Amino acid sequence: MTSTFIGYARCSTDKQDLAAQQEALLKLGVGADRIYTDRGFTGTNRARPGLDQALAAVRSGDTLVVPKLDRLARSVPDARAIGDDLATRGIKLQIGASIHDPSDPMGKLFFNILATFAEFEADLIRMRTREGMAIARAKGKLRGKKPKLSDRQQKELRRMHDTGEYSISDLAELFSISRPTVYRAIARHAPEP
């Protein structure tokens, strides 16, 4: 029976590029058709379709390959659950160039230490982000999302809605916005009682 390398790559936002991770997986011996990806999913979000596909693709004797542990999991419980699942199924885990056998006591210890550091790193990033946002907010530089429509456009949308000639769907299409945005604009410019 031959061992197969199955790769997994993930980035947290749709704007990030997976090319570097995919290139690293190719260099580690994973075939291009054996790389599963998730885009726009954080490591703390366990509902990751690409990871689920990768875990479904690996069989006993295979190796799951990830460029870095934080691409697989950002919390110790999640990493442990994945590691235990792999060990139960007789699957090895390769993190970068290092192969770990989650069923081996030393491999399990090392894996748990790496998972703890990955979770610590994720916690530090979240903490720094919150601190940076608090500083920006205090300086008046963080104001939230810019509205889809200007105040003038919102008033016009409300005026058109009040005529009764336009449905919510019509207004959404005319202004190139979603239906919930139409409802919010109407509510913002409700007539004074």
N, C-alpha and C. Protein backbone atom coordinates (compact mmCIF):
# COMPACT_ATOMS: atom_id res chain seq x y z
N MET A 1 0.84 -1.17 0.00
CA MET A 1 0.00 0.00 0.00
C MET A 1 0.89 1.24 0.00
N THR A 2 0.58 2.19 -0.90
CA THR A 2 1.39 3.40 -0.98
C THR A 2 0.79 4.49 -0.11
N SER A 3 1.67 5.29 0.44
CA SER A 3 1.25 6.40 1.28
C SER A 3 1.02 7.63 0.41
N THR A 4 -0.04 8.35 0.68
CA THR A 4 -0.37 9.54 -0.08
C THR A 4 -0.24 10.76 0.82
N PHE A 5 0.27 11.84 0.24
CA PHE A 5 0.33 13.12 0.94
C PHE A 5 -0.90 13.92 0.55
N ILE A 6 -1.65 14.35 1.55
CA ILE A 6 -2.81 15.22 1.34
C ILE A 6 -2.47 16.56 2.00
N GLY A 7 -2.59 17.65 1.26
CA GLY A 7 -2.24 18.96 1.78
C GLY A 7 -3.44 19.81 2.15
N TYR A 8 -3.22 20.69 3.09
CA TYR A 8 -4.27 21.63 3.50
C TYR A 8 -3.66 23.01 3.70
N ALA A 9 -4.31 24.02 3.11
CA ALA A 9 -3.87 25.42 3.25
C ALA A 9 -5.10 26.26 3.58
N ARG A 10 -4.87 27.31 4.38
CA ARG A 10 -5.98 28.16 4.79
C ARG A 10 -5.53 29.59 4.96
N CYS A 11 -6.40 30.53 4.59
CA CYS A 11 -6.15 31.93 4.92
C CYS A 11 -7.43 32.50 5.51
N SER A 12 -7.27 33.47 6.40
CA SER A 12 -8.39 33.98 7.19
C SER A 12 -9.34 34.88 6.43
N THR A 13 -8.85 35.55 5.38
CA THR A 13 -9.73 36.44 4.63
C THR A 13 -9.69 36.10 3.16
N ASP A 14 -10.72 36.56 2.45
CA ASP A 14 -10.79 36.32 1.01
C ASP A 14 -9.71 37.08 0.25
N LYS A 15 -9.17 38.14 0.87
CA LYS A 15 -8.18 38.98 0.19
C LYS A 15 -6.76 38.41 0.28
N GLN A 16 -6.54 37.48 1.21
CA GLN A 16 -5.20 36.91 1.35
C GLN A 16 -4.95 35.88 0.25
N ASP A 17 -3.68 35.67 -0.05
CA ASP A 17 -3.29 34.76 -1.12
C ASP A 17 -2.78 33.45 -0.55
N LEU A 18 -3.22 32.36 -1.15
CA LEU A 18 -2.79 31.03 -0.72
C LEU A 18 -1.57 30.52 -1.48
N ALA A 19 -1.07 31.29 -2.43
CA ALA A 19 0.00 30.83 -3.32
C ALA A 19 1.24 30.35 -2.56
N ALA A 20 1.68 31.09 -1.55
CA ALA A 20 2.89 30.71 -0.81
C ALA A 20 2.69 29.38 -0.09
N GLN A 21 1.52 29.20 0.52
CA GLN A 21 1.24 27.94 1.22
C GLN A 21 1.15 26.78 0.22
N GLN A 22 0.48 27.01 -0.90
CA GLN A 22 0.36 25.96 -1.91
C GLN A 22 1.73 25.59 -2.48
N GLU A 23 2.58 26.58 -2.69
CA GLU A 23 3.94 26.32 -3.18
C GLU A 23 4.73 25.50 -2.17
N ALA A 24 4.59 25.84 -0.89
CA ALA A 24 5.27 25.09 0.17
C ALA A 24 4.80 23.64 0.18
N LEU A 25 3.50 23.42 0.02
CA LEU A 25 2.96 22.05 0.01
C LEU A 25 3.48 21.27 -1.19
N LEU A 26 3.57 21.92 -2.35
CA LEU A 26 4.11 21.26 -3.54
C LEU A 26 5.56 20.84 -3.31
N LYS A 27 6.35 21.73 -2.67
CA LYS A 27 7.75 21.42 -2.38
C LYS A 27 7.88 20.28 -1.37
N LEU A 28 6.88 20.10 -0.53
CA LEU A 28 6.89 19.01 0.46
C LEU A 28 6.39 17.69 -0.13
N GLY A 29 6.07 17.69 -1.42
CA GLY A 29 5.70 16.45 -2.09
C GLY A 29 4.22 16.21 -2.27
N VAL A 30 3.39 17.19 -1.97
CA VAL A 30 1.95 17.05 -2.15
C VAL A 30 1.61 17.37 -3.60
N GLY A 31 0.83 16.50 -4.23
CA GLY A 31 0.40 16.76 -5.60
C GLY A 31 -0.59 17.91 -5.65
N ALA A 32 -0.56 18.68 -6.72
CA ALA A 32 -1.44 19.86 -6.85
C ALA A 32 -2.91 19.48 -6.71
N ASP A 33 -3.27 18.28 -7.19
CA ASP A 33 -4.67 17.84 -7.11
C ASP A 33 -5.03 17.30 -5.73
N ARG A 34 -4.07 17.27 -4.83
CA ARG A 34 -4.30 16.75 -3.47
C ARG A 34 -4.24 17.86 -2.40
N ILE A 35 -4.33 19.11 -2.85
CA ILE A 35 -4.29 20.23 -1.92
C ILE A 35 -5.71 20.76 -1.73
N TYR A 36 -6.15 20.79 -0.50
CA TYR A 36 -7.47 21.30 -0.16
C TYR A 36 -7.29 22.65 0.53
N THR A 37 -8.18 23.59 0.24
CA THR A 37 -7.99 24.94 0.78
C THR A 37 -9.28 25.51 1.37
N ASP A 38 -9.08 26.45 2.26
CA ASP A 38 -10.17 27.26 2.80
C ASP A 38 -9.73 28.70 2.70
N ARG A 39 -10.61 29.53 2.23
CA ARG A 39 -10.33 30.96 2.10
C ARG A 39 -11.43 31.71 2.84
N GLY A 40 -11.03 32.61 3.73
CA GLY A 40 -12.03 33.40 4.46
C GLY A 40 -12.53 32.73 5.72
N PHE A 41 -11.79 31.73 6.23
CA PHE A 41 -12.17 31.05 7.46
C PHE A 41 -11.03 31.20 8.46
N THR A 42 -11.35 31.64 9.66
CA THR A 42 -10.31 31.75 10.67
C THR A 42 -9.99 30.37 11.21
N GLY A 43 -8.83 30.25 11.83
CA GLY A 43 -8.43 28.97 12.41
C GLY A 43 -9.29 28.56 13.58
N THR A 44 -9.96 29.54 14.21
CA THR A 44 -10.81 29.20 15.36
C THR A 44 -12.18 28.74 14.90
N ASN A 45 -12.51 28.96 13.63
CA ASN A 45 -13.78 28.50 13.08
C ASN A 45 -13.63 27.05 12.67
N ARG A 46 -14.30 26.15 13.36
CA ARG A 46 -14.13 24.72 13.07
C ARG A 46 -14.90 24.28 11.82
N ALA A 47 -15.86 25.05 11.40
CA ALA A 47 -16.62 24.72 10.19
C ALA A 47 -15.81 25.19 8.98
N ARG A 48 -14.86 24.35 8.55
CA ARG A 48 -14.01 24.69 7.41
C ARG A 48 -14.17 23.58 6.36
N PRO A 49 -14.89 23.84 5.29
CA PRO A 49 -15.17 22.80 4.29
C PRO A 49 -13.92 22.18 3.67
N GLY A 50 -12.90 23.01 3.40
CA GLY A 50 -11.66 22.48 2.80
C GLY A 50 -10.97 21.51 3.74
N LEU A 51 -10.93 21.84 5.04
CA LEU A 51 -10.33 20.94 6.02
C LEU A 51 -11.13 19.65 6.12
N ASP A 52 -12.44 19.78 6.12
CA ASP A 52 -13.29 18.58 6.17
C ASP A 52 -13.01 17.66 4.97
N GLN A 53 -12.83 18.26 3.80
CA GLN A 53 -12.52 17.48 2.60
C GLN A 53 -11.15 16.81 2.71
N ALA A 54 -10.17 17.56 3.23
CA ALA A 54 -8.82 16.99 3.40
C ALA A 54 -8.85 15.83 4.38
N LEU A 55 -9.56 16.00 5.50
CA LEU A 55 -9.65 14.93 6.49
C LEU A 55 -10.40 13.72 5.95
N ALA A 56 -11.36 13.96 5.06
CA ALA A 56 -12.10 12.85 4.44
C ALA A 56 -11.23 12.13 3.41
N ALA A 57 -10.28 12.86 2.80
CA ALA A 57 -9.44 12.28 1.74
C ALA A 57 -8.31 11.41 2.29
N VAL A 58 -7.83 11.69 3.52
CA VAL A 58 -6.71 10.91 4.05
C VAL A 58 -7.20 9.55 4.55
N ARG A 59 -6.39 8.54 4.28
CA ARG A 59 -6.71 7.17 4.69
C ARG A 59 -5.58 6.66 5.58
N SER A 60 -5.79 5.55 6.20
CA SER A 60 -4.78 4.94 7.05
C SER A 60 -3.48 4.78 6.26
N GLY A 61 -2.38 5.23 6.87
CA GLY A 61 -1.07 5.16 6.22
C GLY A 61 -0.71 6.44 5.46
N ASP A 62 -1.69 7.32 5.22
CA ASP A 62 -1.44 8.58 4.52
C ASP A 62 -0.86 9.61 5.49
N THR A 63 -0.46 10.74 4.93
CA THR A 63 0.06 11.84 5.73
C THR A 63 -0.69 13.12 5.37
N LEU A 64 -1.22 13.79 6.40
CA LEU A 64 -1.83 15.11 6.20
C LEU A 64 -0.71 16.13 6.35
N VAL A 65 -0.55 16.99 5.35
CA VAL A 65 0.55 17.96 5.33
C VAL A 65 -0.02 19.38 5.41
N VAL A 66 0.50 20.15 6.36
CA VAL A 66 0.15 21.57 6.48
C VAL A 66 1.45 22.37 6.53
N PRO A 67 1.47 23.56 5.93
CA PRO A 67 2.71 24.35 5.95
C PRO A 67 3.11 24.76 7.37
N LYS A 68 2.11 25.15 8.18
CA LYS A 68 2.35 25.53 9.58
C LYS A 68 1.14 25.08 10.39
N LEU A 69 1.35 24.80 11.66
CA LEU A 69 0.27 24.29 12.51
C LEU A 69 -0.88 25.29 12.62
N ASP A 70 -0.58 26.60 12.63
CA ASP A 70 -1.67 27.57 12.78
C ASP A 70 -2.60 27.61 11.58
N ARG A 71 -2.20 26.99 10.48
CA ARG A 71 -3.11 26.87 9.32
C ARG A 71 -4.15 25.78 9.59
N LEU A 72 -3.79 24.80 10.42
CA LEU A 72 -4.68 23.68 10.74
C LEU A 72 -5.61 24.04 11.88
N ALA A 73 -5.08 24.61 12.95
CA ALA A 73 -5.88 24.94 14.14
C ALA A 73 -5.23 26.07 14.90
N ARG A 74 -6.06 26.91 15.53
CA ARG A 74 -5.52 28.01 16.33
C ARG A 74 -5.88 27.84 17.80
N SER A 75 -6.47 26.70 18.16
CA SER A 75 -6.78 26.46 19.56
C SER A 75 -6.31 25.06 19.93
N VAL A 76 -5.92 24.90 21.17
CA VAL A 76 -5.43 23.60 21.63
C VAL A 76 -6.52 22.52 21.53
N PRO A 77 -7.76 22.79 21.98
CA PRO A 77 -8.78 21.74 21.88
C PRO A 77 -9.03 21.29 20.43
N ASP A 78 -9.05 22.24 19.50
CA ASP A 78 -9.28 21.90 18.10
C ASP A 78 -8.10 21.07 17.56
N ALA A 79 -6.87 21.50 17.86
CA ALA A 79 -5.69 20.77 17.41
C ALA A 79 -5.68 19.36 17.99
N ARG A 80 -6.03 19.25 19.27
CA ARG A 80 -6.07 17.94 19.92
C ARG A 80 -7.11 17.03 19.27
N ALA A 81 -8.28 17.59 18.99
CA ALA A 81 -9.35 16.80 18.36
C ALA A 81 -8.90 16.28 16.99
N ILE A 82 -8.26 17.15 16.21
CA ILE A 82 -7.77 16.74 14.89
C ILE A 82 -6.66 15.71 15.04
N GLY A 83 -5.71 15.96 15.96
CA GLY A 83 -4.61 15.02 16.20
C GLY A 83 -5.12 13.66 16.65
N ASP A 84 -6.08 13.65 17.58
CA ASP A 84 -6.65 12.38 18.05
C ASP A 84 -7.35 11.63 16.94
N ASP A 85 -8.07 12.37 16.09
CA ASP A 85 -8.76 11.75 14.95
C ASP A 85 -7.75 11.11 14.00
N LEU A 86 -6.67 11.84 13.73
CA LEU A 86 -5.64 11.31 12.83
C LEU A 86 -4.99 10.07 13.43
N ALA A 87 -4.67 10.11 14.73
CA ALA A 87 -4.03 8.98 15.40
C ALA A 87 -4.94 7.75 15.36
N THR A 88 -6.21 7.94 15.64
CA THR A 88 -7.17 6.83 15.63
C THR A 88 -7.25 6.18 14.26
N ARG A 89 -7.12 6.99 13.23
CA ARG A 89 -7.25 6.49 11.86
C ARG A 89 -5.91 6.04 11.26
N GLY A 90 -4.82 6.15 12.02
CA GLY A 90 -3.51 5.70 11.52
C GLY A 90 -2.92 6.63 10.49
N ILE A 91 -3.13 7.92 10.67
CA ILE A 91 -2.65 8.93 9.73
C ILE A 91 -1.59 9.78 10.41
N LYS A 92 -0.49 10.03 9.68
CA LYS A 92 0.58 10.88 10.20
C LYS A 92 0.27 12.33 9.86
N LEU A 93 0.87 13.25 10.62
CA LEU A 93 0.71 14.67 10.39
C LEU A 93 2.08 15.27 10.10
N GLN A 94 2.18 15.99 9.00
CA GLN A 94 3.43 16.66 8.65
C GLN A 94 3.20 18.16 8.73
N ILE A 95 3.97 18.81 9.59
CA ILE A 95 3.91 20.27 9.75
C ILE A 95 5.20 20.82 9.18
N GLY A 96 5.11 21.45 8.04
CA GLY A 96 6.33 21.88 7.34
C GLY A 96 7.11 20.64 6.96
N ALA A 97 8.38 20.59 7.29
CA ALA A 97 9.21 19.44 6.95
C ALA A 97 9.22 18.37 8.04
N SER A 98 8.58 18.63 9.18
CA SER A 98 8.59 17.70 10.31
C SER A 98 7.35 16.80 10.30
N ILE A 99 7.59 15.48 10.34
CA ILE A 99 6.48 14.53 10.38
C ILE A 99 6.26 14.12 11.84
N HIS A 100 4.98 14.17 12.25
CA HIS A 100 4.61 13.81 13.62
C HIS A 100 3.65 12.64 13.59
N ASP A 101 3.88 11.71 14.46
CA ASP A 101 2.95 10.59 14.61
C ASP A 101 2.12 10.89 15.85
N PRO A 102 0.87 11.34 15.67
CA PRO A 102 0.05 11.71 16.82
C PRO A 102 -0.22 10.56 17.79
N SER A 103 0.05 9.32 17.38
CA SER A 103 -0.19 8.18 18.29
C SER A 103 1.04 7.90 19.16
N ASP A 104 2.20 8.43 18.78
CA ASP A 104 3.43 8.25 19.54
C ASP A 104 3.44 9.25 20.71
N PRO A 105 3.79 8.82 21.95
CA PRO A 105 3.76 9.75 23.09
C PRO A 105 4.61 11.01 22.87
N MET A 106 5.81 10.87 22.31
CA MET A 106 6.66 12.05 22.07
C MET A 106 6.05 12.93 20.99
N GLY A 107 5.53 12.30 19.95
CA GLY A 107 4.88 13.05 18.87
C GLY A 107 3.67 13.80 19.40
N LYS A 108 2.91 13.15 20.27
CA LYS A 108 1.72 13.77 20.85
C LYS A 108 2.12 14.95 21.73
N LEU A 109 3.17 14.79 22.55
CA LEU A 109 3.64 15.86 23.41
C LEU A 109 4.09 17.06 22.57
N PHE A 110 4.90 16.79 21.56
CA PHE A 110 5.41 17.86 20.72
C PHE A 110 4.26 18.58 20.00
N PHE A 111 3.31 17.81 19.50
CA PHE A 111 2.15 18.36 18.81
C PHE A 111 1.35 19.27 19.75
N ASN A 112 1.14 18.83 21.00
CA ASN A 112 0.40 19.64 21.97
C ASN A 112 1.15 20.93 22.32
N ILE A 113 2.47 20.85 22.41
CA ILE A 113 3.27 22.05 22.67
C ILE A 113 3.13 23.04 21.51
N LEU A 114 3.21 22.52 20.27
CA LEU A 114 3.05 23.39 19.10
C LEU A 114 1.66 24.01 19.08
N ALA A 115 0.64 23.23 19.43
CA ALA A 115 -0.74 23.74 19.45
C ALA A 115 -0.88 24.84 20.48
N THR A 116 -0.23 24.67 21.64
CA THR A 116 -0.29 25.68 22.69
C THR A 116 0.34 26.98 22.20
N PHE A 117 1.48 26.88 21.51
CA PHE A 117 2.13 28.08 20.97
C PHE A 117 1.27 28.73 19.88
N ALA A 118 0.63 27.93 19.03
CA ALA A 118 -0.24 28.48 17.98
C ALA A 118 -1.41 29.24 18.60
N GLU A 119 -2.00 28.67 19.66
CA GLU A 119 -3.12 29.34 20.34
C GLU A 119 -2.63 30.62 21.01
N PHE A 120 -1.46 30.57 21.63
CA PHE A 120 -0.87 31.75 22.28
C PHE A 120 -0.65 32.85 21.25
N GLU A 121 -0.10 32.48 20.09
CA GLU A 121 0.15 33.46 19.03
C GLU A 121 -1.16 34.09 18.56
N ALA A 122 -2.20 33.27 18.39
CA ALA A 122 -3.51 33.79 17.96
C ALA A 122 -4.08 34.75 19.00
N ASP A 123 -3.91 34.40 20.28
CA ASP A 123 -4.39 35.28 21.36
C ASP A 123 -3.65 36.61 21.35
N LEU A 124 -2.33 36.57 21.12
CA LEU A 124 -1.54 37.81 21.05
C LEU A 124 -2.00 38.69 19.89
N ILE A 125 -2.27 38.08 18.75
CA ILE A 125 -2.72 38.84 17.58
C ILE A 125 -4.06 39.51 17.89
N ARG A 126 -4.99 38.76 18.49
CA ARG A 126 -6.29 39.33 18.85
C ARG A 126 -6.12 40.49 19.84
N MET A 127 -5.26 40.31 20.83
CA MET A 127 -5.04 41.34 21.83
C MET A 127 -4.46 42.60 21.19
N ARG A 128 -3.47 42.43 20.32
CA ARG A 128 -2.85 43.59 19.65
C ARG A 128 -3.86 44.30 18.75
N THR A 129 -4.70 43.51 18.08
CA THR A 129 -5.72 44.10 17.21
C THR A 129 -6.70 44.93 18.02
N ARG A 130 -7.17 44.38 19.14
CA ARG A 130 -8.10 45.13 20.00
C ARG A 130 -7.44 46.40 20.53
N GLU A 131 -6.16 46.32 20.95
CA GLU A 131 -5.46 47.50 21.45
C GLU A 131 -5.32 48.55 20.35
N GLY A 132 -4.96 48.11 19.16
CA GLY A 132 -4.81 49.04 18.03
C GLY A 132 -6.13 49.71 17.68
N MET A 133 -7.21 48.94 17.71
CA MET A 133 -8.53 49.51 17.41
C MET A 133 -8.95 50.51 18.49
N ALA A 134 -8.65 50.21 19.75
CA ALA A 134 -9.00 51.12 20.85
C ALA A 134 -8.24 52.44 20.71
N ILE A 135 -6.96 52.37 20.34
CA ILE A 135 -6.16 53.58 20.15
C ILE A 135 -6.70 54.39 18.97
N ALA A 136 -7.00 53.70 17.86
CA ALA A 136 -7.55 54.39 16.68
C ALA A 136 -8.90 55.02 17.00
N ARG A 137 -9.74 54.32 17.75
CA ARG A 137 -11.05 54.84 18.13
C ARG A 137 -10.89 56.09 19.01
N ALA A 138 -9.94 56.04 19.95
CA ALA A 138 -9.69 57.18 20.84
C ALA A 138 -9.21 58.39 20.06
N LYS A 139 -8.48 58.17 18.98
CA LYS A 139 -7.99 59.28 18.15
C LYS A 139 -9.01 59.71 17.10
N GLY A 140 -10.17 59.02 17.07
CA GLY A 140 -11.21 59.36 16.11
C GLY A 140 -10.95 58.86 14.72
N LYS A 141 -10.06 57.90 14.59
CA LYS A 141 -9.72 57.39 13.27
C LYS A 141 -10.45 56.10 12.91
N LEU A 142 -11.21 55.55 13.85
CA LEU A 142 -11.94 54.31 13.59
C LEU A 142 -13.42 54.62 13.72
N ARG A 143 -14.07 54.70 12.61
CA ARG A 143 -15.47 55.10 12.62
C ARG A 143 -16.40 54.00 12.13
N GLY A 144 -15.91 52.85 11.83
CA GLY A 144 -16.77 51.78 11.32
C GLY A 144 -16.87 51.82 9.81
N LYS A 145 -17.77 50.97 9.31
CA LYS A 145 -17.94 50.88 7.86
C LYS A 145 -18.59 52.13 7.29
N LYS A 146 -18.13 52.51 6.11
CA LYS A 146 -18.71 53.64 5.41
C LYS A 146 -20.07 53.19 4.85
N PRO A 147 -21.12 54.03 4.98
CA PRO A 147 -22.43 53.65 4.46
C PRO A 147 -22.39 53.42 2.95
N LYS A 148 -23.24 52.50 2.49
CA LYS A 148 -23.29 52.20 1.05
C LYS A 148 -23.84 53.39 0.26
N LEU A 149 -24.77 54.13 0.88
CA LEU A 149 -25.40 55.26 0.21
C LEU A 149 -25.10 56.55 0.97
N SER A 150 -24.97 57.63 0.22
CA SER A 150 -24.79 58.93 0.86
C SER A 150 -26.11 59.32 1.53
N ASP A 151 -26.06 60.33 2.37
CA ASP A 151 -27.28 60.79 3.06
C ASP A 151 -28.32 61.23 2.02
N ARG A 152 -27.85 61.89 1.01
CA ARG A 152 -28.75 62.37 -0.07
C ARG A 152 -29.41 61.20 -0.80
N GLN A 153 -28.62 60.15 -1.09
CA GLN A 153 -29.18 58.96 -1.75
C GLN A 153 -30.19 58.27 -0.84
N GLN A 154 -29.90 58.22 0.46
CA GLN A 154 -30.84 57.58 1.39
C GLN A 154 -32.16 58.34 1.44
N LYS A 155 -32.09 59.67 1.43
CA LYS A 155 -33.32 60.47 1.44
C LYS A 155 -34.11 60.25 0.16
N GLU A 156 -33.41 60.17 -0.97
CA GLU A 156 -34.08 59.92 -2.25
C GLU A 156 -34.72 58.53 -2.25
N LEU A 157 -34.01 57.55 -1.73
CA LEU A 157 -34.56 56.20 -1.63
C LEU A 157 -35.84 56.22 -0.79
N ARG A 158 -35.81 56.92 0.33
CA ARG A 158 -36.99 57.02 1.20
C ARG A 158 -38.14 57.70 0.47
N ARG A 159 -37.84 58.79 -0.27
CA ARG A 159 -38.87 59.51 -1.03
C ARG A 159 -39.52 58.59 -2.06
N MET A 160 -38.66 57.83 -2.78
CA MET A 160 -39.17 56.91 -3.80
C MET A 160 -40.03 55.82 -3.16
N HIS A 161 -39.59 55.32 -2.03
CA HIS A 161 -40.35 54.27 -1.33
C HIS A 161 -41.72 54.79 -0.90
N ASP A 162 -41.75 56.04 -0.41
CA ASP A 162 -42.99 56.63 0.09
C ASP A 162 -44.02 56.86 -1.02
N THR A 163 -43.57 56.93 -2.28
CA THR A 163 -44.52 57.11 -3.38
C THR A 163 -45.36 55.86 -3.58
N GLY A 164 -44.85 54.72 -3.12
CA GLY A 164 -45.58 53.46 -3.29
C GLY A 164 -45.41 52.84 -4.67
N GLU A 165 -44.62 53.48 -5.52
CA GLU A 165 -44.43 52.99 -6.89
C GLU A 165 -43.28 51.98 -7.00
N TYR A 166 -42.47 51.87 -5.97
CA TYR A 166 -41.28 51.02 -6.02
C TYR A 166 -41.32 49.98 -4.90
N SER A 167 -41.03 48.74 -5.25
CA SER A 167 -40.93 47.69 -4.23
C SER A 167 -39.52 47.74 -3.64
N ILE A 168 -39.34 47.03 -2.56
CA ILE A 168 -38.01 46.94 -1.93
C ILE A 168 -37.01 46.38 -2.93
N SER A 169 -37.42 45.36 -3.67
CA SER A 169 -36.53 44.75 -4.68
C SER A 169 -36.17 45.76 -5.77
N ASP A 170 -37.16 46.56 -6.20
CA ASP A 170 -36.89 47.58 -7.22
C ASP A 170 -35.84 48.58 -6.72
N LEU A 171 -36.02 49.03 -5.47
CA LEU A 171 -35.08 49.99 -4.90
C LEU A 171 -33.69 49.39 -4.74
N ALA A 172 -33.63 48.13 -4.33
CA ALA A 172 -32.33 47.46 -4.18
C ALA A 172 -31.61 47.40 -5.52
N GLU A 173 -32.36 47.10 -6.58
CA GLU A 173 -31.76 47.01 -7.91
C GLU A 173 -31.35 48.39 -8.42
N LEU A 174 -32.22 49.39 -8.25
CA LEU A 174 -31.92 50.75 -8.71
C LEU A 174 -30.67 51.34 -8.06
N PHE A 175 -30.53 51.09 -6.76
CA PHE A 175 -29.41 51.67 -6.01
C PHE A 175 -28.21 50.70 -5.89
N SER A 176 -28.33 49.51 -6.48
CA SER A 176 -27.27 48.49 -6.44
C SER A 176 -26.86 48.15 -5.00
N ILE A 177 -27.86 47.90 -4.18
CA ILE A 177 -27.62 47.53 -2.79
C ILE A 177 -28.49 46.32 -2.45
N SER A 178 -28.26 45.74 -1.29
CA SER A 178 -29.05 44.58 -0.87
C SER A 178 -30.38 45.05 -0.27
N ARG A 179 -31.32 44.13 -0.18
CA ARG A 179 -32.63 44.44 0.42
C ARG A 179 -32.49 44.90 1.88
N PRO A 180 -31.65 44.23 2.71
CA PRO A 180 -31.49 44.72 4.09
C PRO A 180 -30.98 46.17 4.15
N THR A 181 -30.12 46.55 3.20
CA THR A 181 -29.62 47.92 3.17
C THR A 181 -30.75 48.89 2.85
N VAL A 182 -31.66 48.49 1.97
CA VAL A 182 -32.83 49.32 1.65
C VAL A 182 -33.66 49.53 2.92
N TYR A 183 -33.93 48.44 3.64
CA TYR A 183 -34.72 48.55 4.87
C TYR A 183 -34.06 49.47 5.89
N ARG A 184 -32.72 49.38 6.02
CA ARG A 184 -32.01 50.24 6.98
C ARG A 184 -32.10 51.71 6.56
N ALA A 185 -31.97 51.98 5.26
CA ALA A 185 -32.05 53.37 4.77
C ALA A 185 -33.45 53.94 5.00
N ILE A 186 -34.47 53.13 4.79
CA ILE A 186 -35.85 53.58 5.02
C ILE A 186 -36.06 53.88 6.50
N ALA A 187 -35.56 53.00 7.36
CA ALA A 187 -35.73 53.19 8.80
C ALA A 187 -34.96 54.43 9.30
N ARG A 188 -33.78 54.69 8.72
CA ARG A 188 -32.98 55.84 9.12
C ARG A 188 -33.68 57.17 8.80
N HIS A 189 -34.44 57.19 7.72
CA HIS A 189 -35.06 58.42 7.27
C HIS A 189 -36.58 58.35 7.39
N ALA A 190 -37.02 57.73 8.47
CA ALA A 190 -38.46 57.67 8.73
C ALA A 190 -38.97 59.05 9.09
N PRO A 191 -40.19 59.39 8.65
CA PRO A 191 -40.72 60.72 8.97
C PRO A 191 -40.90 60.89 10.47
N GLU A 192 -40.69 62.08 10.95
CA GLU A 192 -40.84 62.39 12.38
C GLU A 192 -42.32 62.29 12.75
N PRO A 193 -42.66 61.68 13.92
CA PRO A 193 -44.07 61.56 14.30
C PRO A 193 -44.67 62.89 14.72
